[in-house]
C-alpha cells in the first residue's frame, strides 16, 4: 500500500520491526516505517483485540501506539527512527509501567 517514490534513493538505516531487520530512510517516524513494512494493523485494542493502524500521523488520535526499544505505549508517529531501533506492534493493553 505504501511505497517510496522511484527516484527517492537516499541513504538507509536498519531498524528491527517485530523481530525482522528492515531498511528505512533516515527521518522516517516509527509509525511510517511500520506502515511501509506491514501495511496493515500495527497494534491491537485492549478490549476487543481488533487490529488498528496509525490514523492521523500527528500525535492526536493515539492509534499509533507501539512498543519502541522495550517501552510500550509510545506514539510511533512522533518518534524518529534511529539505527538499531526495535519497533514492535503493541498487543492489547500492556498496563501501566511503574
C-alpha atoms as a PDB file:
ATOM      1  CA  UNK A   1       0.000   0.000   0.000  1.00  0.00           C
ATOM      2  CA  UNK A   2       2.786   2.455   0.881  1.00  0.00           C
ATOM      3  CA  UNK A   3       5.901   2.892  -1.231  1.00  0.00           C
ATOM      4  CA  UNK A   4       8.693   5.390  -1.767  1.00  0.00           C
ATOM      5  CA  UNK A   5       8.859   7.354  -4.978  1.00  0.00           C
ATOM      6  CA  UNK A   6      11.024   5.508  -7.529  1.00  0.00           C
ATOM      7  CA  UNK A   7      13.618   8.304  -7.787  1.00  0.00           C
ATOM      8  CA  UNK A   8      13.915   8.603  -3.996  1.00  0.00           C
ATOM      9  CA  UNK A   9      17.217   6.833  -3.172  1.00  0.00           C
ATOM     10  CA  UNK A  10      18.721   8.416  -0.064  1.00  0.00           C
ATOM     11  CA  UNK A  11      20.892   6.639   2.469  1.00  0.00           C
ATOM     12  CA  UNK A  12      19.256   3.958   4.605  1.00  0.00           C
ATOM     13  CA  UNK A  13      19.447   2.675   8.151  1.00  0.00           C
ATOM     14  CA  UNK A  14      18.282  -0.587   9.672  1.00  0.00           C
ATOM     15  CA  UNK A  15      15.600  -0.934  12.340  1.00  0.00           C
ATOM     16  CA  UNK A  16      14.068  -4.105  13.768  1.00  0.00           C
ATOM     17  CA  UNK A  17      10.311  -4.365  13.218  1.00  0.00           C
ATOM     18  CA  UNK A  18       8.622  -7.273  15.012  1.00  0.00           C
ATOM     19  CA  UNK A  19      11.974  -9.067  15.074  1.00  0.00           C
ATOM     20  CA  UNK A  20      12.817  -8.540  11.396  1.00  0.00           C
ATOM     21  CA  UNK A  21      15.604  -6.247  10.122  1.00  0.00           C
ATOM     22  CA  UNK A  22      14.118  -3.569   7.862  1.00  0.00           C
ATOM     23  CA  UNK A  23      15.899  -0.897   5.825  1.00  0.00           C
ATOM     24  CA  UNK A  24      14.305   2.561   6.165  1.00  0.00           C
ATOM     25  CA  UNK A  25      15.060   6.140   5.223  1.00  0.00           C
ATOM     26  CA  UNK A  26      16.509   8.351   7.993  1.00  0.00           C
ATOM     27  CA  UNK A  27      13.876  10.838   9.131  1.00  0.00           C
ATOM     28  CA  UNK A  28      11.001   8.356   8.953  1.00  0.00           C
ATOM     29  CA  UNK A  29       8.853   8.022  12.029  1.00  0.00           C
ATOM     30  CA  UNK A  30       8.474   4.613  13.669  1.00  0.00           C
ATOM     31  CA  UNK A  31       4.825   4.570  12.531  1.00  0.00           C
ATOM     32  CA  UNK A  32       5.760   5.289   8.896  1.00  0.00           C
ATOM     33  CA  UNK A  33       8.442   2.582   8.979  1.00  0.00           C
ATOM     34  CA  UNK A  34       5.964   0.068  10.367  1.00  0.00           C
ATOM     35  CA  UNK A  35       3.281   1.007   7.820  1.00  0.00           C
ATOM     36  CA  UNK A  36       5.761   0.702   4.961  1.00  0.00           C
ATOM     37  CA  UNK A  37       6.847  -2.722   6.231  1.00  0.00           C
ATOM     38  CA  UNK A  38       3.475  -4.175   7.334  1.00  0.00           C
ATOM     39  CA  UNK A  39       0.831  -2.087   5.525  1.00  0.00           C
ATOM     40  CA  UNK A  40      -1.806  -3.241   7.989  1.00  0.00           C
ATOM     41  CA  UNK A  41      -2.623  -3.288  11.697  1.00  0.00           C
ATOM     42  CA  UNK A  42       0.237  -2.098  13.888  1.00  0.00           C
ATOM     43  CA  UNK A  43      -1.456  -2.782  17.245  1.00  0.00           C
ATOM     44  CA  UNK A  44      -4.490  -4.474  18.762  1.00  0.00           C
ATOM     45  CA  UNK A  45      -7.046  -2.906  21.074  1.00  0.00           C
ATOM     46  CA  UNK A  46      -7.203  -3.722  24.780  1.00  0.00           C
ATOM     47  CA  UNK A  47     -10.928  -4.558  24.793  1.00  0.00           C
ATOM     48  CA  UNK A  48     -11.774  -6.425  21.583  1.00  0.00           C
ATOM     49  CA  UNK A  49      -8.319  -7.314  20.251  1.00  0.00           C
ATOM     50  CA  UNK A  50      -9.250  -5.615  16.963  1.00  0.00           C
ATOM     51  CA  UNK A  51      -6.372  -4.531  14.738  1.00  0.00           C
ATOM     52  CA  UNK A  52      -5.645  -0.816  14.472  1.00  0.00           C
ATOM     53  CA  UNK A  53      -3.195   1.261  12.448  1.00  0.00           C
ATOM     54  CA  UNK A  54      -1.889   4.841  12.643  1.00  0.00           C
ATOM     55  CA  UNK A  55      -4.569   7.269  11.563  1.00  0.00           C
ATOM     56  CA  UNK A  56      -3.718  10.948  11.984  1.00  0.00           C
ATOM     57  CA  UNK A  57       0.118  10.635  11.926  1.00  0.00           C
ATOM     58  CA  UNK A  58       0.436  13.802  14.036  1.00  0.00           C
ATOM     59  CA  UNK A  59       0.005  12.638  17.638  1.00  0.00           C
ATOM     60  CA  UNK A  60      -3.692  13.339  18.162  1.00  0.00           C
ATOM     61  CA  UNK A  61      -5.514  10.003  17.804  1.00  0.00           C
ATOM     62  CA  UNK A  62      -3.208   7.550  19.688  1.00  0.00           C
ATOM     63  CA  UNK A  63      -3.884   4.771  17.151  1.00  0.00           C
ATOM     64  CA  UNK A  64      -0.135   4.535  16.524  1.00  0.00           C
ATOM     65  CA  UNK A  65       0.750   3.200  19.978  1.00  0.00           C
ATOM     66  CA  UNK A  66       3.594   0.687  19.753  1.00  0.00           C
ATOM     67  CA  UNK A  67       6.483  -0.694  21.741  1.00  0.00           C
ATOM     68  CA  UNK A  68       9.725   1.090  20.909  1.00  0.00           C
ATOM     69  CA  UNK A  69      13.015  -0.125  22.372  1.00  0.00           C
ATOM     70  CA  UNK A  70      11.117  -2.098  25.006  1.00  0.00           C
ATOM     71  CA  UNK A  71       8.899   0.811  26.110  1.00  0.00           C
ATOM     72  CA  UNK A  72       5.158   0.273  25.479  1.00  0.00           C
ATOM     73  CA  UNK A  73       2.590   2.982  24.731  1.00  0.00           C
ATOM     74  CA  UNK A  74       4.902   5.061  22.520  1.00  0.00           C
ATOM     75  CA  UNK A  75       3.243   7.213  19.884  1.00  0.00           C
ATOM     76  CA  UNK A  76       5.082   5.899  16.833  1.00  0.00           C
ATOM     77  CA  UNK A  77       4.102   8.864  14.687  1.00  0.00           C
ATOM     78  CA  UNK A  78       6.147  11.174  16.940  1.00  0.00           C
ATOM     79  CA  UNK A  79       9.305   9.044  17.210  1.00  0.00           C
ATOM     80  CA  UNK A  80      12.010   9.421  14.537  1.00  0.00           C
ATOM     81  CA  UNK A  81      13.779   6.147  13.727  1.00  0.00           C
ATOM     82  CA  UNK A  82      17.408   5.570  14.629  1.00  0.00           C
ATOM     83  CA  UNK A  83      19.761   2.777  13.617  1.00  0.00           C
ATOM     84  CA  UNK A  84      19.060  -0.432  15.529  1.00  0.00           C
ATOM     85  CA  UNK A  85      15.754   0.814  16.952  1.00  0.00           C
ATOM     86  CA  UNK A  86      13.416  -2.033  17.952  1.00  0.00           C
ATOM     87  CA  UNK A  87       9.797  -1.407  16.983  1.00  0.00           C
ATOM     88  CA  UNK A  88       7.089  -3.915  17.903  1.00  0.00           C
ATOM     89  CA  UNK A  89       3.350  -3.978  17.373  1.00  0.00           C
ATOM     90  CA  UNK A  90       1.578  -3.389  20.683  1.00  0.00           C
ATOM     91  CA  UNK A  91      -0.774  -6.201  21.647  1.00  0.00           C
ATOM     92  CA  UNK A  92      -3.757  -5.186  23.776  1.00  0.00           C
ATOM     93  CA  UNK A  93      -3.143  -3.270  26.984  1.00  0.00           C
ATOM     94  CA  UNK A  94       0.456  -3.576  28.204  1.00  0.00           C
ATOM     95  CA  UNK A  95      -0.538  -1.968  31.503  1.00  0.00           C
ATOM     96  CA  UNK A  96       0.981   0.912  33.361  1.00  0.00           C
ATOM     97  CA  UNK A  97       4.728   0.744  33.812  1.00  0.00           C
ATOM     98  CA  UNK A  98       5.921   1.525  37.345  1.00  0.00           C
END
